[in-house]
Amino acid sequence: MESGTHHHPHLRERIREAGGIYEWANDVLIRIAGPAQLGDGPGAPCTHCGRTRVEHVERDGVLYCPEE
């Protein structure tokens, strides 16, 4: 092999080494887009008070707007 040249395995070999087409595609997407964002984030503002859901108080399974 000449100096400065790189050997890149064929796509079929890379897919097989990754564990199949799903795993290969998943690895490629994660490299491009980054890891999954877990959780639902702050969410949409409350229609009653305008604050996020995480600022609310839960009692008996019901969310209540935070006190002003």
N, C-alpha and C. Protein backbone atom coordinates (compact mmCIF):
# COMPACT_ATOMS: atom_id res chain seq x y z
N MET A 1 0.84 -1.16 0.00
CA MET A 1 0.00 0.00 0.00
C MET A 1 0.89 1.23 0.00
N GLU A 2 0.52 2.24 -0.79
CA GLU A 2 1.31 3.44 -0.88
C GLU A 2 1.09 4.32 0.34
N SER A 3 2.12 5.10 0.65
CA SER A 3 2.02 6.02 1.77
C SER A 3 0.99 7.10 1.43
N GLY A 4 0.12 7.44 2.40
CA GLY A 4 -0.86 8.49 2.20
C GLY A 4 -2.20 7.98 1.70
N THR A 5 -2.30 6.72 1.33
CA THR A 5 -3.59 6.19 0.90
C THR A 5 -4.24 5.47 2.07
N HIS A 6 -5.54 5.52 2.12
CA HIS A 6 -6.28 4.90 3.21
C HIS A 6 -7.18 3.82 2.64
N HIS A 7 -7.30 2.74 3.37
CA HIS A 7 -8.21 1.67 2.97
C HIS A 7 -9.52 1.86 3.72
N HIS A 8 -10.60 2.08 2.98
CA HIS A 8 -11.93 2.20 3.58
C HIS A 8 -12.69 0.94 3.21
N PRO A 9 -13.17 0.20 4.21
CA PRO A 9 -13.93 -1.02 3.90
C PRO A 9 -15.19 -0.68 3.10
N HIS A 10 -15.61 -1.60 2.28
CA HIS A 10 -16.83 -1.42 1.51
C HIS A 10 -18.01 -1.27 2.45
N LEU A 11 -19.05 -0.65 1.96
CA LEU A 11 -20.24 -0.40 2.77
C LEU A 11 -20.80 -1.69 3.36
N ARG A 12 -20.84 -2.73 2.56
CA ARG A 12 -21.36 -4.02 3.03
C ARG A 12 -20.57 -4.52 4.24
N GLU A 13 -19.26 -4.35 4.22
CA GLU A 13 -18.42 -4.79 5.34
C GLU A 13 -18.68 -3.93 6.58
N ARG A 14 -18.82 -2.62 6.38
CA ARG A 14 -19.08 -1.73 7.52
C ARG A 14 -20.42 -2.05 8.16
N ILE A 15 -21.44 -2.34 7.34
CA ILE A 15 -22.76 -2.70 7.87
C ILE A 15 -22.67 -3.99 8.67
N ARG A 16 -21.99 -4.98 8.12
CA ARG A 16 -21.84 -6.27 8.80
C ARG A 16 -21.10 -6.09 10.13
N GLU A 17 -20.02 -5.30 10.12
CA GLU A 17 -19.24 -5.07 11.34
C GLU A 17 -20.04 -4.33 12.40
N ALA A 18 -20.96 -3.47 11.97
CA ALA A 18 -21.78 -2.69 12.91
C ALA A 18 -22.88 -3.54 13.54
N GLY A 19 -23.19 -4.69 12.97
CA GLY A 19 -24.23 -5.55 13.53
C GLY A 19 -25.51 -5.54 12.72
N GLY A 20 -25.48 -5.04 11.52
CA GLY A 20 -26.66 -5.03 10.67
C GLY A 20 -27.01 -3.63 10.20
N ILE A 21 -27.96 -3.56 9.29
CA ILE A 21 -28.32 -2.28 8.68
C ILE A 21 -28.90 -1.31 9.70
N TYR A 22 -29.73 -1.80 10.63
CA TYR A 22 -30.33 -0.91 11.63
C TYR A 22 -29.25 -0.28 12.51
N GLU A 23 -28.36 -1.10 13.03
CA GLU A 23 -27.29 -0.59 13.90
C GLU A 23 -26.38 0.37 13.16
N TRP A 24 -26.06 0.04 11.91
CA TRP A 24 -25.21 0.91 11.12
C TRP A 24 -25.87 2.26 10.89
N ALA A 25 -27.16 2.25 10.47
CA ALA A 25 -27.88 3.50 10.22
C ALA A 25 -28.00 4.31 11.51
N ASN A 26 -28.28 3.66 12.62
CA ASN A 26 -28.39 4.33 13.91
C ASN A 26 -27.07 5.00 14.28
N ASP A 27 -25.96 4.29 14.11
CA ASP A 27 -24.64 4.86 14.40
C ASP A 27 -24.37 6.09 13.54
N VAL A 28 -24.71 6.02 12.26
CA VAL A 28 -24.49 7.14 11.35
C VAL A 28 -25.34 8.34 11.78
N LEU A 29 -26.61 8.09 12.07
CA LEU A 29 -27.49 9.19 12.47
C LEU A 29 -27.04 9.84 13.77
N ILE A 30 -26.59 9.05 14.72
CA ILE A 30 -26.13 9.60 16.00
C ILE A 30 -24.89 10.46 15.77
N ARG A 31 -23.99 10.02 14.88
CA ARG A 31 -22.82 10.83 14.58
C ARG A 31 -23.21 12.16 13.95
N ILE A 32 -24.24 12.17 13.13
CA ILE A 32 -24.66 13.38 12.44
C ILE A 32 -25.49 14.27 13.36
N ALA A 33 -26.51 13.71 13.99
CA ALA A 33 -27.48 14.50 14.74
C ALA A 33 -27.20 14.59 16.23
N GLY A 34 -26.35 13.74 16.75
CA GLY A 34 -26.09 13.73 18.18
C GLY A 34 -27.03 12.77 18.88
N PRO A 35 -26.84 12.59 20.18
CA PRO A 35 -27.69 11.65 20.92
C PRO A 35 -29.12 12.16 21.06
N ALA A 36 -30.00 11.26 21.40
CA ALA A 36 -31.42 11.60 21.58
C ALA A 36 -31.58 12.56 22.74
N GLN A 37 -32.55 13.46 22.61
CA GLN A 37 -32.90 14.37 23.69
C GLN A 37 -33.94 13.68 24.55
N LEU A 38 -33.60 13.40 25.78
CA LEU A 38 -34.50 12.69 26.67
C LEU A 38 -35.38 13.66 27.43
N GLY A 39 -36.58 13.23 27.72
CA GLY A 39 -37.52 14.08 28.44
C GLY A 39 -38.28 14.97 27.48
N ASP A 40 -39.26 15.66 28.01
CA ASP A 40 -40.08 16.49 27.14
C ASP A 40 -39.72 17.96 27.23
N GLY A 41 -38.61 18.27 27.88
CA GLY A 41 -38.18 19.65 27.98
C GLY A 41 -39.16 20.47 28.80
N PRO A 42 -39.05 21.79 28.70
CA PRO A 42 -39.94 22.62 29.50
C PRO A 42 -41.39 22.54 29.05
N GLY A 43 -41.61 22.16 27.80
CA GLY A 43 -42.98 22.02 27.30
C GLY A 43 -43.61 23.36 26.99
N ALA A 44 -44.84 23.30 26.57
CA ALA A 44 -45.59 24.51 26.23
C ALA A 44 -46.00 25.22 27.51
N PRO A 45 -46.13 26.53 27.46
CA PRO A 45 -46.56 27.25 28.66
C PRO A 45 -48.00 26.90 29.03
N CYS A 46 -48.29 26.97 30.31
CA CYS A 46 -49.64 26.70 30.82
C CYS A 46 -50.61 27.73 30.25
N THR A 47 -51.78 27.28 29.87
CA THR A 47 -52.78 28.20 29.32
C THR A 47 -53.40 29.09 30.38
N HIS A 48 -53.25 28.71 31.66
CA HIS A 48 -53.85 29.50 32.74
C HIS A 48 -52.89 30.55 33.29
N CYS A 49 -51.63 30.15 33.54
CA CYS A 49 -50.70 31.08 34.18
C CYS A 49 -49.49 31.43 33.32
N GLY A 50 -49.25 30.68 32.24
CA GLY A 50 -48.13 30.98 31.35
C GLY A 50 -46.79 30.39 31.78
N ARG A 51 -46.75 29.70 32.90
CA ARG A 51 -45.51 29.09 33.37
C ARG A 51 -45.38 27.67 32.83
N THR A 52 -44.16 27.11 32.91
CA THR A 52 -43.93 25.75 32.41
C THR A 52 -44.49 24.72 33.37
N ARG A 53 -44.67 23.52 32.87
CA ARG A 53 -45.26 22.44 33.66
C ARG A 53 -44.42 22.11 34.89
N VAL A 54 -43.09 22.18 34.76
CA VAL A 54 -42.23 21.82 35.89
C VAL A 54 -42.35 22.79 37.06
N GLU A 55 -42.88 23.98 36.81
CA GLU A 55 -43.07 24.95 37.89
C GLU A 55 -44.36 24.72 38.66
N HIS A 56 -45.21 23.84 38.19
CA HIS A 56 -46.50 23.57 38.82
C HIS A 56 -46.36 22.60 39.98
N VAL A 57 -47.39 22.56 40.80
CA VAL A 57 -47.43 21.70 41.98
C VAL A 57 -48.40 20.57 41.69
N GLU A 58 -47.99 19.34 42.03
CA GLU A 58 -48.86 18.19 41.83
C GLU A 58 -49.44 17.74 43.17
N ARG A 59 -50.75 17.63 43.20
CA ARG A 59 -51.44 17.10 44.38
C ARG A 59 -52.49 16.11 43.91
N ASP A 60 -52.43 14.91 44.44
CA ASP A 60 -53.38 13.85 44.10
C ASP A 60 -53.47 13.61 42.60
N GLY A 61 -52.32 13.69 41.93
CA GLY A 61 -52.26 13.42 40.50
C GLY A 61 -52.74 14.56 39.61
N VAL A 62 -53.02 15.72 40.20
CA VAL A 62 -53.49 16.88 39.43
C VAL A 62 -52.45 17.99 39.55
N LEU A 63 -52.15 18.64 38.42
CA LEU A 63 -51.21 19.75 38.45
C LEU A 63 -51.95 21.05 38.74
N TYR A 64 -51.38 21.82 39.66
CA TYR A 64 -51.94 23.11 40.03
C TYR A 64 -50.95 24.21 39.69
N CYS A 65 -51.46 25.34 39.25
CA CYS A 65 -50.60 26.47 38.94
C CYS A 65 -49.86 26.91 40.20
N PRO A 66 -48.60 27.35 40.04
CA PRO A 66 -47.85 27.80 41.22
C PRO A 66 -48.46 29.09 41.76
N GLU A 67 -48.26 29.30 43.03
CA GLU A 67 -48.79 30.53 43.65
C GLU A 67 -47.95 31.70 43.18
N GLU A 68 -48.58 32.80 43.02
CA GLU A 68 -47.90 34.04 42.57
C GLU A 68 -47.02 34.58 43.64
